[in-house]
């Protein structure tokens, strides 16, 4: 007993000094097993409750609260006999795969150049590549319409110079490119987090033996960060299935429909929310994504061989690019920043400071601050800004803590419970945020004890927590698997419990990743716009749902000003998180 007490303060140091690559973790016992059961059970309750309500609603002939509603399969029959559904499904698959083909390679390349090389202005670039995540997708699409739409400022310039506009924003390829570019930061955060924990010995040895930068990244770095790339690809496929804003703005005007806009149009077609139709499509989305979860688990079964943070610590030295290499690297990053950051952001900024936009409109004659004065004059909008900031900062911190508990419950756990955990975690990603918000609205109506919570920010926090669960947890898991098992086992051999090992060894090693995760979750909460639509009421307004509401009424001036303020708020929050230890660069 005295051993267990005395090792608490020095577990990490002793563990690192006694680490051996040949040991294996002892199975969890007692309190650790109880912790895992309670954590996974609580998570299952929060996630599966709305999912079961969705399944229940799909088996009804109308809204669950309607007096004449009965059990029936009419909603399934409608969907399966609707040719528009199959067209939307096919376009969704093309959209998702195309988005991944753009975002994953670009995100991996940017992560390698910024985290593994001596590229110039690294600190500035690491912040800049995150900017697309600051913007809600519905406003991001709007920003592109202002910049490169039919009457966008860059489109008009191109037409004046060459006589025509060489791109078509309102098309499936346009949607795929915009969505792929906007999701590059998601991949970058995953891959860069993994790359920072990798030793550079093998990369340096390859360079000494004559390998160029491309060969080093392909043959050395890529295999070691493969788990992070797989996580990022899987998540982006799921994000593609739930994307709503970009297809609505860029696809709907030309008749291009994905599953999310299919749900939206169905509700409008019936003149009232067709909850049973929405629920059927949501159930089908879950069924489509379950094979992806199975494939991901099969590929990651041997993820132990990717662990690179061992007992001796990792030595990281930036690869030398040289003059020509610097030019090439900076050109790649600069072109991506121009297309992905400058174009949409400039469109949002310009539109927020003018009261008119279009062909033959002189911008200088319409510059004004009236959009912001109008926004601040509406109490609902001011309340929405305050609620959004509180939910992002406090709610984001609480979410990271909860995600860490869930991640630790599955850490080094190869049993059946971990399989269940993976499926539970990825289920919310199979559902559009709009449907998740609606499902939690049902939960708060169904459970009497939760009725009073429905009109408070707590309801939003719970829904946002579930929406961000997959991404936040995968980010933490990708960081945790970089800690080699021998470090934890060394602590166990000197008497530390699993709880002490997690507290004194694992968490200190991944602490920079936790701070970065907080910044990421703040971004997710700030940019979320669909989840709060059905949960919005007096006192629970947030910027995202307000933007959807005002966009539907055509109040573009208000939408642009809200988007601009949201970007500023998120930027301030990210800088604050960096000062607290959220390191986005070495």
Protein backbone atom coordinates (compact mmCIF):
# COMPACT_ATOMS: atom_id res chain seq x y z
CA UNK A 1 0.00 0.00 0.00
CA UNK A 2 2.78 2.41 0.81
CA UNK A 3 4.16 1.90 -2.69
CA UNK A 4 0.91 3.01 -4.30
CA UNK A 5 0.91 6.21 -2.27
CA UNK A 6 4.54 7.13 -2.80
CA UNK A 7 4.63 6.75 -6.57
CA UNK A 8 1.85 9.24 -7.29
CA UNK A 9 4.07 12.28 -7.71
CA UNK A 10 6.81 10.56 -9.70
CA UNK A 11 5.00 8.04 -11.86
CA UNK A 12 5.78 9.78 -15.12
CA UNK A 13 9.50 10.17 -14.47
CA UNK A 14 9.96 6.59 -13.26
CA UNK A 15 7.79 5.25 -16.08
CA UNK A 16 9.86 6.98 -18.74
CA UNK A 17 13.13 5.80 -17.20
CA UNK A 18 11.99 2.17 -16.97
CA UNK A 19 10.10 1.95 -20.26
CA UNK A 20 10.61 -1.28 -22.17
CA UNK A 21 9.34 -1.97 -25.69
CA UNK A 22 8.59 -5.61 -24.89
CA UNK A 23 5.96 -5.23 -22.17
CA UNK A 24 2.19 -5.33 -22.62
CA UNK A 25 -0.50 -3.57 -20.64
CA UNK A 26 -2.18 -5.55 -17.93
CA UNK A 27 -5.95 -5.87 -18.25
CA UNK A 28 -8.15 -3.34 -16.53
CA UNK A 29 -9.64 -4.45 -13.23
CA UNK A 30 -11.91 -3.16 -10.50
CA UNK A 31 -12.51 0.57 -10.59
CA UNK A 32 -11.13 0.97 -14.12
CA UNK A 33 -13.63 -1.55 -15.47
CA UNK A 34 -16.45 0.13 -13.57
CA UNK A 35 -15.36 3.51 -14.97
CA UNK A 36 -15.50 2.14 -18.51
CA UNK A 37 -18.92 0.60 -18.00
CA UNK A 38 -20.39 3.77 -16.51
CA UNK A 39 -18.80 6.02 -19.16
CA UNK A 40 -19.85 3.94 -22.13
CA UNK A 41 -23.30 3.38 -20.60
CA UNK A 42 -23.85 7.10 -20.03
CA UNK A 43 -22.66 7.92 -23.55
CA UNK A 44 -24.96 5.27 -25.00
CA UNK A 45 -27.92 6.77 -23.18
CA UNK A 46 -27.24 10.29 -24.48
CA UNK A 47 -26.58 9.18 -28.08
CA UNK A 48 -29.05 6.34 -28.49
CA UNK A 49 -32.06 8.09 -26.93
CA UNK A 50 -32.50 10.48 -29.88
CA UNK A 51 -31.59 7.71 -32.34
CA UNK A 52 -34.32 5.46 -30.95
CA UNK A 53 -36.77 8.34 -31.19
CA UNK A 54 -35.81 8.79 -34.84
CA UNK A 55 -36.39 5.07 -35.51
CA UNK A 56 -39.71 5.26 -33.66
CA UNK A 57 -40.79 8.30 -35.67
CA UNK A 58 -39.86 6.56 -38.94
CA UNK A 59 -42.36 3.80 -38.15
CA UNK A 60 -45.27 6.21 -37.76
CA UNK A 61 -47.66 7.56 -40.35
CA UNK A 62 -47.29 11.14 -39.14
CA UNK A 63 -45.71 13.31 -36.46
CA UNK A 64 -45.55 11.46 -33.14
CA UNK A 65 -47.66 14.09 -31.39
CA UNK A 66 -50.50 14.00 -33.94
CA UNK A 67 -53.67 12.36 -32.51
CA UNK A 68 -54.35 10.22 -35.59
CA UNK A 69 -50.79 8.98 -36.02
CA UNK A 70 -50.41 5.19 -36.03
CA UNK A 71 -47.73 2.63 -36.75
CA UNK A 72 -47.08 2.04 -40.45
CA UNK A 73 -44.48 1.86 -43.19
CA UNK A 74 -45.96 4.51 -45.45
CA UNK A 75 -42.95 6.79 -44.94
CA UNK A 76 -40.55 4.04 -46.05
CA UNK A 77 -42.73 3.30 -49.06
CA UNK A 78 -42.72 6.95 -50.05
CA UNK A 79 -38.92 7.24 -49.85
CA UNK A 80 -38.17 3.94 -51.60
CA UNK A 81 -40.49 4.78 -54.51
CA UNK A 82 -39.28 8.34 -54.92
CA UNK A 83 -36.79 8.72 -57.77
CA UNK A 84 -35.63 12.00 -56.30
CA UNK A 85 -34.34 10.12 -53.26
CA UNK A 86 -32.10 7.87 -55.36
CA UNK A 87 -30.84 10.85 -57.33
CA UNK A 88 -30.05 12.67 -54.08
CA UNK A 89 -28.30 9.57 -52.70
CA UNK A 90 -26.09 9.21 -55.78
CA UNK A 91 -25.16 12.88 -55.75
CA UNK A 92 -24.42 12.69 -52.02
CA UNK A 93 -22.01 9.78 -52.60
CA UNK A 94 -20.23 11.65 -55.40
CA UNK A 95 -20.15 14.80 -53.30
CA UNK A 96 -18.69 13.05 -50.24
CA UNK A 97 -16.05 11.06 -52.11
CA UNK A 98 -15.04 14.07 -54.17
CA UNK A 99 -14.76 16.15 -51.02
CA UNK A 100 -12.47 13.55 -49.42
CA UNK A 101 -10.30 13.30 -52.54
CA UNK A 102 -9.64 17.01 -52.25
CA UNK A 103 -9.46 17.56 -48.50
CA UNK A 104 -7.35 14.57 -47.36
CA UNK A 105 -4.39 14.96 -49.77
CA UNK A 106 -4.33 18.75 -49.36
CA UNK A 107 -4.65 18.52 -45.57
CA UNK A 108 -1.87 15.94 -45.40
CA UNK A 109 0.44 18.00 -47.62
CA UNK A 110 -0.17 21.17 -45.61
CA UNK A 111 0.40 19.32 -42.34
CA UNK A 112 3.68 17.87 -43.60
CA UNK A 113 4.99 21.17 -44.97
CA UNK A 114 4.07 23.19 -41.89
CA UNK A 115 4.89 20.71 -39.11
CA UNK A 116 7.79 18.69 -40.55
CA UNK A 117 9.78 21.23 -42.59
CA UNK A 118 11.50 24.55 -41.94
CA UNK A 119 9.00 26.47 -44.06
CA UNK A 120 9.08 30.23 -43.50
CA UNK A 121 6.42 32.04 -41.46
CA UNK A 122 5.25 28.79 -39.88
CA UNK A 123 3.51 30.47 -36.93
CA UNK A 124 1.40 32.67 -39.22
CA UNK A 125 0.59 29.85 -41.62
CA UNK A 126 -0.59 27.52 -38.86
CA UNK A 127 -3.21 30.03 -37.79
CA UNK A 128 -4.16 30.95 -41.35
CA UNK A 129 -4.92 27.39 -42.44
CA UNK A 130 -7.56 27.14 -39.71
CA UNK A 131 -9.58 30.12 -40.94
CA UNK A 132 -12.09 28.15 -43.09
CA UNK A 133 -13.21 26.38 -39.91
CA UNK A 134 -14.20 29.74 -38.45
CA UNK A 135 -16.96 30.19 -41.00
CA UNK A 136 -20.35 28.51 -40.99
CA UNK A 137 -20.76 26.53 -44.20
CA UNK A 138 -23.91 28.40 -45.18
CA UNK A 139 -22.08 31.72 -44.91
CA UNK A 140 -18.91 30.27 -46.42
CA UNK A 141 -20.91 29.37 -49.52
CA UNK A 142 -22.36 32.88 -49.50
CA UNK A 143 -18.84 34.33 -49.28
CA UNK A 144 -17.84 32.41 -52.40
CA UNK A 145 -20.90 33.67 -54.26
CA UNK A 146 -19.77 37.24 -53.53
CA UNK A 147 -16.23 36.45 -54.68
CA UNK A 148 -16.58 33.96 -57.54
CA UNK A 149 -20.32 33.70 -58.18
CA UNK A 150 -21.88 34.84 -61.47
CA UNK A 151 -21.69 38.46 -60.29
CA UNK A 152 -18.75 38.00 -57.93
CA UNK A 153 -15.99 40.56 -57.97
CA UNK A 154 -13.40 38.05 -59.24
CA UNK A 155 -15.83 36.69 -61.84
CA UNK A 156 -16.52 40.17 -63.19
CA UNK A 157 -12.77 40.86 -63.31
CA UNK A 158 -12.15 37.62 -65.23
CA UNK A 159 -14.91 38.47 -67.69
CA UNK A 160 -13.42 41.91 -68.28
CA UNK A 161 -9.95 40.44 -68.87
CA UNK A 162 -10.66 37.31 -70.97
CA UNK A 163 -14.28 37.79 -72.02
CA UNK A 164 -15.84 34.95 -70.01
CA UNK A 165 -15.91 33.39 -66.54
CA UNK A 166 -13.83 30.13 -66.61
CA UNK A 167 -15.67 28.49 -63.70
CA UNK A 168 -19.22 27.60 -62.69
CA UNK A 169 -19.87 27.89 -58.99
CA UNK A 170 -23.46 26.65 -59.13
CA UNK A 171 -22.63 23.06 -60.14
CA UNK A 172 -21.72 19.71 -58.60
CA UNK A 173 -17.99 20.19 -59.31
CA UNK A 174 -18.23 23.66 -57.78
CA UNK A 175 -19.90 22.23 -54.68
CA UNK A 176 -17.27 19.49 -54.37
CA UNK A 177 -14.35 21.90 -54.70
CA UNK A 178 -15.75 24.37 -52.18
CA UNK A 179 -16.64 21.64 -49.67
CA UNK A 180 -13.28 19.91 -50.12
CA UNK A 181 -11.33 23.12 -49.59
CA UNK A 182 -13.40 24.07 -46.55
CA UNK A 183 -12.69 20.70 -44.89
CA UNK A 184 -8.92 20.75 -45.38
CA UNK A 185 -8.44 22.25 -41.86
CA UNK A 186 -10.20 19.22 -40.34
CA UNK A 187 -7.64 16.92 -41.93
CA UNK A 188 -4.80 19.29 -41.09
CA UNK A 189 -5.64 19.29 -37.38
CA UNK A 190 -5.76 15.50 -37.25
CA UNK A 191 -2.58 14.87 -39.21
CA UNK A 192 -0.52 17.72 -37.76
CA UNK A 193 -1.37 16.54 -34.24
CA UNK A 194 0.00 13.10 -35.09
CA UNK A 195 3.04 14.44 -36.96
CA UNK A 196 4.22 16.55 -34.04
CA UNK A 197 4.76 13.42 -31.95
CA UNK A 198 6.85 11.63 -34.58
CA UNK A 199 10.66 11.40 -34.27
CA UNK A 200 12.54 12.73 -37.29
CA UNK A 201 15.40 10.21 -37.25
CA UNK A 202 14.04 8.12 -40.12
CA UNK A 203 13.23 11.18 -42.22
CA UNK A 204 16.73 12.58 -41.73
CA UNK A 205 18.31 9.22 -42.56
CA UNK A 206 16.31 9.05 -45.79
CA UNK A 207 17.41 12.56 -46.78
CA UNK A 208 21.06 11.69 -46.05
CA UNK A 209 20.72 8.68 -48.36
CA UNK A 210 19.50 10.86 -51.22
CA UNK A 211 15.69 10.74 -50.89
CA UNK A 212 13.89 13.91 -51.93
CA UNK A 213 11.14 15.57 -49.91
CA UNK A 214 8.38 13.80 -51.83
CA UNK A 215 9.96 10.36 -51.25
CA UNK A 216 10.44 11.09 -47.54
CA UNK A 217 6.81 12.14 -47.08
CA UNK A 218 5.49 9.17 -49.09
CA UNK A 219 7.69 6.37 -47.72
CA UNK A 220 8.48 7.51 -44.16
CA UNK A 221 5.97 10.05 -42.80
CA UNK A 222 2.80 8.78 -44.47
CA UNK A 223 2.87 5.25 -42.99
CA UNK A 224 3.44 6.64 -39.48
CA UNK A 225 0.46 9.03 -39.63
CA UNK A 226 -1.84 6.61 -41.45
CA UNK A 227 -4.24 6.24 -38.46
CA UNK A 228 -4.77 10.01 -38.36
CA UNK A 229 -5.39 10.08 -42.12
CA UNK A 230 -7.91 7.26 -41.83
CA UNK A 231 -9.69 9.04 -39.01
CA UNK A 232 -9.78 12.24 -41.07
CA UNK A 233 -11.01 10.50 -44.23
CA UNK A 234 -13.76 8.63 -42.38
CA UNK A 235 -14.92 11.75 -40.61
CA UNK A 236 -14.95 13.78 -43.81
CA UNK A 237 -17.06 11.17 -45.59
CA UNK A 238 -19.58 11.42 -42.78
CA UNK A 239 -19.39 15.22 -42.87
CA UNK A 240 -20.08 15.07 -46.59
CA UNK A 241 -23.26 13.08 -45.94
CA UNK A 242 -24.52 15.66 -43.45
CA UNK A 243 -23.43 18.88 -45.21
CA UNK A 244 -26.40 21.18 -45.73
CA UNK A 245 -25.33 24.80 -46.20
CA UNK A 246 -23.10 24.45 -49.27
CA UNK A 247 -25.53 22.25 -51.25
CA UNK A 248 -28.41 24.54 -50.30
CA UNK A 249 -26.70 27.71 -51.49
CA UNK A 250 -24.73 26.36 -54.47
CA UNK A 251 -26.77 23.35 -55.57
CA UNK A 252 -30.42 24.13 -54.96
CA UNK A 253 -30.65 27.02 -57.49
CA UNK A 254 -29.71 24.61 -60.30
CA UNK A 255 -31.71 21.63 -59.03
CA UNK A 256 -28.81 19.69 -57.49
CA UNK A 257 -30.10 17.82 -54.44
CA UNK A 258 -28.24 15.88 -51.75
CA UNK A 259 -29.83 13.94 -48.91
CA UNK A 260 -29.86 16.87 -46.50
CA UNK A 261 -31.51 19.23 -48.96
CA UNK A 262 -33.84 16.37 -49.93
CA UNK A 263 -35.02 16.27 -46.31
CA UNK A 264 -35.43 20.03 -46.29
CA UNK A 265 -37.40 20.09 -49.56
CA UNK A 266 -39.68 17.25 -48.46
CA UNK A 267 -40.75 19.21 -45.39
CA UNK A 268 -41.46 22.25 -47.55
CA UNK A 269 -43.33 20.16 -50.13
CA UNK A 270 -45.86 18.94 -47.57
CA UNK A 271 -46.38 22.43 -46.18
CA UNK A 272 -45.40 21.24 -42.69
CA UNK A 273 -42.45 19.34 -41.22
CA UNK A 274 -42.84 15.76 -42.46
CA UNK A 275 -41.12 14.26 -39.44
CA UNK A 276 -41.70 10.67 -40.54
CA UNK A 277 -40.01 11.25 -43.92
CA UNK A 278 -37.08 12.99 -42.25
CA UNK A 279 -36.75 10.11 -39.82
CA UNK A 280 -36.70 7.50 -42.61
CA UNK A 281 -33.88 9.27 -44.44
CA UNK A 282 -32.01 9.64 -41.15
CA UNK A 283 -32.32 5.90 -40.48
CA UNK A 284 -31.01 5.13 -43.96
CA UNK A 285 -28.07 7.47 -43.37
CA UNK A 286 -27.17 5.44 -40.29
CA UNK A 287 -27.32 2.21 -42.29
CA UNK A 288 -25.09 3.68 -44.99
CA UNK A 289 -22.38 4.64 -42.53
CA UNK A 290 -22.23 1.48 -40.38
CA UNK A 291 -20.10 -0.40 -42.98
CA UNK A 292 -17.70 2.54 -42.94
CA UNK A 293 -17.29 2.14 -39.18
CA UNK A 294 -16.59 -1.57 -39.60
CA UNK A 295 -13.99 -0.87 -42.30
CA UNK A 296 -12.31 1.77 -40.18
CA UNK A 297 -11.99 -0.58 -37.22
CA UNK A 298 -10.55 -3.33 -39.43
CA UNK A 299 -7.89 -1.04 -40.87
CA UNK A 300 -6.94 0.35 -37.45
CA UNK A 301 -6.76 -3.04 -35.74
CA UNK A 302 -2.96 -2.94 -35.84
CA UNK A 303 -2.68 0.75 -34.95
CA UNK A 304 -0.18 -0.10 -32.16
CA UNK A 305 2.62 -0.19 -34.72
CA UNK A 306 2.09 3.50 -35.42
CA UNK A 307 2.82 4.59 -31.83
CA UNK A 308 5.91 6.77 -31.90
CA UNK A 309 6.03 8.51 -28.53
CA UNK A 310 8.02 6.05 -26.46
CA UNK A 311 9.76 6.20 -23.13
CA UNK A 312 12.85 7.98 -24.43
CA UNK A 313 10.91 10.81 -26.03
CA UNK A 314 10.83 11.90 -29.66
CA UNK A 315 13.50 14.04 -31.24
CA UNK A 316 11.97 16.28 -33.88
CA UNK A 317 14.12 18.22 -36.33
CA UNK A 318 12.59 20.17 -39.21
CA UNK A 319 13.55 18.95 -42.66
CA UNK A 320 15.58 21.49 -44.62
CA UNK A 321 13.81 22.67 -47.75
CA UNK A 322 16.51 24.82 -49.31
CA UNK A 323 15.83 27.85 -51.49
CA UNK A 324 13.93 26.06 -54.26
CA UNK A 325 12.04 23.95 -51.77
CA UNK A 326 10.97 27.05 -49.85
CA UNK A 327 9.63 28.61 -53.04
CA UNK A 328 7.66 25.50 -53.97
CA UNK A 329 6.30 24.99 -50.44
CA UNK A 330 5.30 28.63 -49.97
CA UNK A 331 3.66 28.66 -53.41
CA UNK A 332 1.56 25.59 -52.57
CA UNK A 333 0.44 27.00 -49.23
CA UNK A 334 -0.15 30.51 -50.63
CA UNK A 335 -2.34 29.29 -53.50
CA UNK A 336 -4.43 27.24 -51.09
CA UNK A 337 -4.76 30.18 -48.69
CA UNK A 338 -5.83 32.49 -51.50
CA UNK A 339 -8.55 30.15 -52.77
CA UNK A 340 -9.71 28.78 -49.43
CA UNK A 341 -9.27 31.77 -47.11
CA UNK A 342 -8.95 35.05 -48.96
CA UNK A 343 -11.75 34.56 -51.50
CA UNK A 344 -14.61 33.58 -49.13
CA UNK A 345 -13.40 35.78 -46.29
CA UNK A 346 -13.07 38.81 -48.53
CA UNK A 347 -16.57 38.16 -49.81
CA UNK A 348 -17.96 38.02 -46.27
CA UNK A 349 -16.10 41.15 -45.17
CA UNK A 350 -17.11 43.16 -48.22
CA UNK A 351 -20.73 42.09 -48.02
CA UNK A 352 -20.96 42.89 -44.31
CA UNK A 353 -19.86 46.49 -44.90
CA UNK A 354 -22.11 47.31 -47.87
CA UNK A 355 -25.87 47.52 -48.21
CA UNK A 356 -26.05 46.58 -51.91
CA UNK A 357 -24.24 44.12 -54.16
CA UNK A 358 -24.36 43.14 -57.80
CA UNK A 359 -23.28 44.01 -61.31
CA UNK A 360 -22.74 47.72 -62.01
CA UNK A 361 -22.84 48.48 -58.28
CA UNK A 362 -20.11 50.82 -57.07
CA UNK A 363 -19.01 49.35 -53.75
CA UNK A 364 -17.46 52.60 -52.55
CA UNK A 365 -20.83 54.30 -52.80
CA UNK A 366 -22.49 51.69 -50.59
CA UNK A 367 -19.98 51.32 -47.76
CA UNK A 368 -21.76 51.51 -44.42
CA UNK A 369 -21.83 50.36 -40.81
CA UNK A 370 -25.61 50.20 -40.85
CA UNK A 371 -25.61 46.38 -40.94
CA UNK A 372 -23.85 46.22 -37.58
CA UNK A 373 -25.97 49.00 -36.06
CA UNK A 374 -29.08 47.13 -37.12
CA UNK A 375 -27.73 43.92 -35.61
CA UNK A 376 -26.92 45.53 -32.26
CA UNK A 377 -30.33 47.19 -32.15
CA UNK A 378 -32.14 43.84 -32.08
CA UNK A 379 -32.13 42.27 -28.57
CA UNK A 380 -32.53 38.78 -30.01
CA UNK A 381 -29.32 39.14 -32.02
CA UNK A 382 -27.36 40.55 -29.09
CA UNK A 383 -28.59 37.72 -26.89
CA UNK A 384 -27.56 35.27 -29.59
CA UNK A 385 -24.01 36.65 -29.64
CA UNK A 386 -23.72 36.36 -25.86
CA UNK A 387 -25.15 32.84 -25.81
CA UNK A 388 -22.81 31.76 -28.60
CA UNK A 389 -19.71 33.04 -26.80
CA UNK A 390 -20.70 31.36 -23.53
CA UNK A 391 -21.56 28.08 -25.23
CA UNK A 392 -18.29 28.05 -27.18
CA UNK A 393 -15.94 28.90 -24.32
CA UNK A 394 -17.51 27.17 -21.32
CA UNK A 395 -19.32 24.50 -23.31
CA UNK A 396 -16.23 23.77 -25.39
CA UNK A 397 -14.10 23.25 -22.28
CA UNK A 398 -16.72 20.98 -20.73
CA UNK A 399 -17.01 19.04 -23.98
CA UNK A 400 -13.26 18.38 -24.13
CA UNK A 401 -13.36 17.06 -20.56
CA UNK A 402 -16.24 14.74 -21.41
CA UNK A 403 -14.60 13.60 -24.65
CA UNK A 404 -11.39 12.85 -22.73
CA UNK A 405 -13.28 10.65 -20.27
CA UNK A 406 -14.83 8.75 -23.17
CA UNK A 407 -11.46 8.47 -24.94
CA UNK A 408 -9.83 7.08 -21.78
CA UNK A 409 -12.68 4.57 -21.43
CA UNK A 410 -11.68 3.18 -24.80
CA UNK A 411 -7.92 3.69 -24.39
CA UNK A 412 -6.03 0.37 -24.82
CA UNK A 413 -9.40 -1.35 -24.72
CA UNK A 414 -9.63 -4.04 -27.40
CA UNK A 415 -12.68 -5.79 -26.03
CA UNK A 416 -16.26 -5.90 -27.25
CA UNK A 417 -17.09 -2.76 -25.27
CA UNK A 418 -14.69 -0.79 -27.46
CA UNK A 419 -16.47 -2.02 -30.57
CA UNK A 420 -19.74 -0.76 -29.11
CA UNK A 421 -18.05 2.54 -28.25
CA UNK A 422 -16.90 3.06 -31.84
CA UNK A 423 -20.36 2.51 -33.24
CA UNK A 424 -21.97 4.80 -30.66
CA UNK A 425 -19.44 7.55 -31.34
CA UNK A 426 -19.91 7.52 -35.10
CA UNK A 427 -23.70 7.29 -35.06
CA UNK A 428 -24.25 11.07 -34.64
CA UNK A 429 -22.03 11.77 -37.65
CA UNK A 430 -24.48 9.78 -39.76
CA UNK A 431 -27.22 12.28 -38.99
CA UNK A 432 -27.54 15.86 -40.22
CA UNK A 433 -27.30 18.45 -37.46
CA UNK A 434 -30.83 19.54 -38.28
CA UNK A 435 -32.16 16.07 -37.48
CA UNK A 436 -30.08 15.75 -34.30
CA UNK A 437 -31.47 19.06 -33.05
CA UNK A 438 -34.99 17.93 -33.88
CA UNK A 439 -34.43 14.56 -32.16
CA UNK A 440 -33.24 16.23 -28.97
CA UNK A 441 -36.25 18.54 -29.17
CA UNK A 442 -38.35 15.38 -29.08
CA UNK A 443 -36.30 14.00 -26.15
CA UNK A 444 -36.89 17.13 -24.10
CA UNK A 445 -40.61 16.88 -24.86
CA UNK A 446 -40.84 13.15 -24.14
CA UNK A 447 -39.03 13.09 -20.79
CA UNK A 448 -40.98 15.08 -18.15
CA UNK A 449 -37.89 15.77 -16.05
CA UNK A 450 -36.20 17.43 -19.04
CA UNK A 451 -39.07 19.66 -20.10
CA UNK A 452 -37.73 22.61 -18.11
CA UNK A 453 -34.30 22.21 -19.74
CA UNK A 454 -35.65 22.56 -23.28
CA UNK A 455 -35.73 26.36 -23.20
CA UNK A 456 -32.28 26.76 -21.64
CA UNK A 457 -28.76 26.74 -23.15
CA UNK A 458 -28.27 23.31 -21.56
CA UNK A 459 -30.38 21.77 -24.31
CA UNK A 460 -28.12 23.35 -26.92
CA UNK A 461 -25.00 22.15 -25.12
CA UNK A 462 -26.22 18.54 -25.03
CA UNK A 463 -27.10 18.61 -28.73
CA UNK A 464 -23.82 20.29 -29.70
CA UNK A 465 -21.93 17.81 -27.52
CA UNK A 466 -23.37 14.93 -29.54
CA UNK A 467 -22.82 16.67 -32.88
CA UNK A 468 -19.12 17.21 -32.11
CA UNK A 469 -18.64 13.84 -30.43
CA UNK A 470 -17.13 11.94 -33.34
CA UNK A 471 -14.69 14.63 -34.39
CA UNK A 472 -13.64 15.64 -30.88
CA UNK A 473 -13.19 12.06 -29.69
CA UNK A 474 -11.27 10.95 -32.77
CA UNK A 475 -8.93 13.91 -32.37
CA UNK A 476 -8.16 12.89 -28.79
CA UNK A 477 -7.83 9.22 -29.72
CA UNK A 478 -5.40 10.03 -32.53
CA UNK A 479 -3.30 11.84 -29.93
CA UNK A 480 -3.59 9.12 -27.28
CA UNK A 481 -2.43 6.32 -29.58
CA UNK A 482 0.86 8.18 -30.10
CA UNK A 483 1.75 7.37 -26.46
CA UNK A 484 3.55 4.06 -26.56
CA UNK A 485 2.10 1.36 -24.24
CA UNK A 486 5.46 0.65 -22.55
CA UNK A 487 5.34 4.06 -20.86
CA UNK A 488 2.03 3.21 -19.21
CA UNK A 489 3.11 -0.34 -18.38
CA UNK A 490 6.26 0.92 -16.65
CA UNK A 491 4.08 2.99 -14.33
CA UNK A 492 1.88 -0.05 -13.64
CA UNK A 493 4.90 -2.22 -12.74
CA UNK A 494 5.94 0.18 -9.95
CA UNK A 495 2.50 0.09 -8.33
CA UNK A 496 0.49 2.82 -10.05
CA UNK A 497 -3.18 2.15 -10.69
CA UNK A 498 -4.70 2.72 -14.10
CA UNK A 499 -6.17 5.98 -12.82
CA UNK A 500 -2.77 7.17 -11.58
CA UNK A 501 -1.18 6.15 -14.88
CA UNK A 502 -3.71 8.13 -16.87
CA UNK A 503 -3.39 11.14 -14.54
CA UNK A 504 0.40 11.25 -14.18
CA UNK A 505 1.62 9.79 -17.49
CA UNK A 506 -0.91 9.81 -20.32
CA UNK A 507 -2.68 13.13 -19.73
CA UNK A 508 0.54 15.16 -19.20
CA UNK A 509 1.93 13.77 -22.46
CA UNK A 510 -1.17 14.71 -24.44
CA UNK A 511 -1.94 17.98 -22.61
CA UNK A 512 -0.98 20.19 -25.61
CA UNK A 513 -3.46 18.21 -27.67
CA UNK A 514 -6.19 18.81 -25.10
CA UNK A 515 -5.73 22.57 -25.28
CA UNK A 516 -5.79 22.38 -29.05
CA UNK A 517 -8.93 20.29 -28.88
CA UNK A 518 -10.61 23.00 -26.80
CA UNK A 519 -9.85 25.53 -29.53
CA UNK A 520 -11.22 23.13 -32.12
CA UNK A 521 -14.43 22.45 -30.21
CA UNK A 522 -14.94 26.19 -29.77
CA UNK A 523 -14.75 26.51 -33.55
CA UNK A 524 -17.23 23.67 -34.03
CA UNK A 525 -19.70 25.20 -31.60
CA UNK A 526 -19.34 28.67 -33.12
CA UNK A 527 -19.87 27.54 -36.70
CA UNK A 528 -22.73 25.09 -36.03
CA UNK A 529 -25.90 26.47 -37.56
CA UNK A 530 -28.40 23.66 -38.15
CA UNK A 531 -28.52 21.88 -34.79
CA UNK A 532 -30.06 24.79 -32.91
CA UNK A 533 -32.83 25.56 -35.40
CA UNK A 534 -35.49 23.45 -33.69
CA UNK A 535 -34.10 24.12 -30.22
CA UNK A 536 -34.12 27.89 -30.66
CA UNK A 537 -36.50 29.84 -28.45
CA UNK A 538 -36.59 33.02 -26.42
CA UNK A 539 -33.29 33.03 -24.53
CA UNK A 540 -31.66 30.12 -26.41
CA UNK A 541 -30.73 31.90 -29.62
CA UNK A 542 -27.25 31.33 -31.07
CA UNK A 543 -25.55 32.86 -34.07
CA UNK A 544 -25.80 29.73 -36.22
CA UNK A 545 -29.55 29.24 -35.97
CA UNK A 546 -30.11 32.99 -36.26
CA UNK A 547 -28.18 33.00 -39.53
CA UNK A 548 -30.39 30.24 -40.91
CA UNK A 549 -33.50 32.09 -39.81
CA UNK A 550 -32.45 35.43 -41.30
CA UNK A 551 -31.12 33.81 -44.47
CA UNK A 552 -34.52 32.24 -45.09
CA UNK A 553 -36.12 35.67 -44.83
CA UNK A 554 -33.61 37.16 -47.27
CA UNK A 555 -31.94 39.44 -44.70
CA UNK A 556 -28.49 38.99 -46.23
CA UNK A 557 -27.11 42.14 -44.61
CA UNK A 558 -27.77 40.71 -41.15
CA UNK A 559 -26.39 37.30 -42.14
CA UNK A 560 -23.16 38.85 -43.40
CA UNK A 561 -22.70 40.95 -40.27
CA UNK A 562 -23.37 37.92 -38.04
CA UNK A 563 -20.85 35.90 -40.00
CA UNK A 564 -18.22 38.62 -39.68
CA UNK A 565 -18.72 38.91 -35.92
CA UNK A 566 -18.63 35.12 -35.61
CA UNK A 567 -15.26 35.00 -37.37
CA UNK A 568 -13.89 37.70 -35.06
CA UNK A 569 -15.21 35.94 -31.96
CA UNK A 570 -13.66 32.65 -32.99
CA UNK A 571 -10.34 34.25 -33.84
CA UNK A 572 -10.19 35.89 -30.43
CA UNK A 573 -11.10 32.61 -28.77
CA UNK A 574 -8.40 30.74 -30.67
CA UNK A 575 -5.72 33.27 -29.73
CA UNK A 576 -6.81 33.07 -26.10
CA UNK A 577 -6.65 29.26 -26.23
CA UNK A 578 -3.13 29.44 -27.67
CA UNK A 579 -2.01 31.62 -24.76
CA UNK A 580 -3.39 28.98 -22.41
CA UNK A 581 -1.34 26.25 -24.10
CA UNK A 582 -3.22 25.30 -27.26
CA UNK A 583 -0.07 25.03 -29.34
CA UNK A 584 -0.69 24.98 -33.07
CA UNK A 585 3.02 25.19 -33.83
CA UNK A 586 6.23 24.00 -32.26
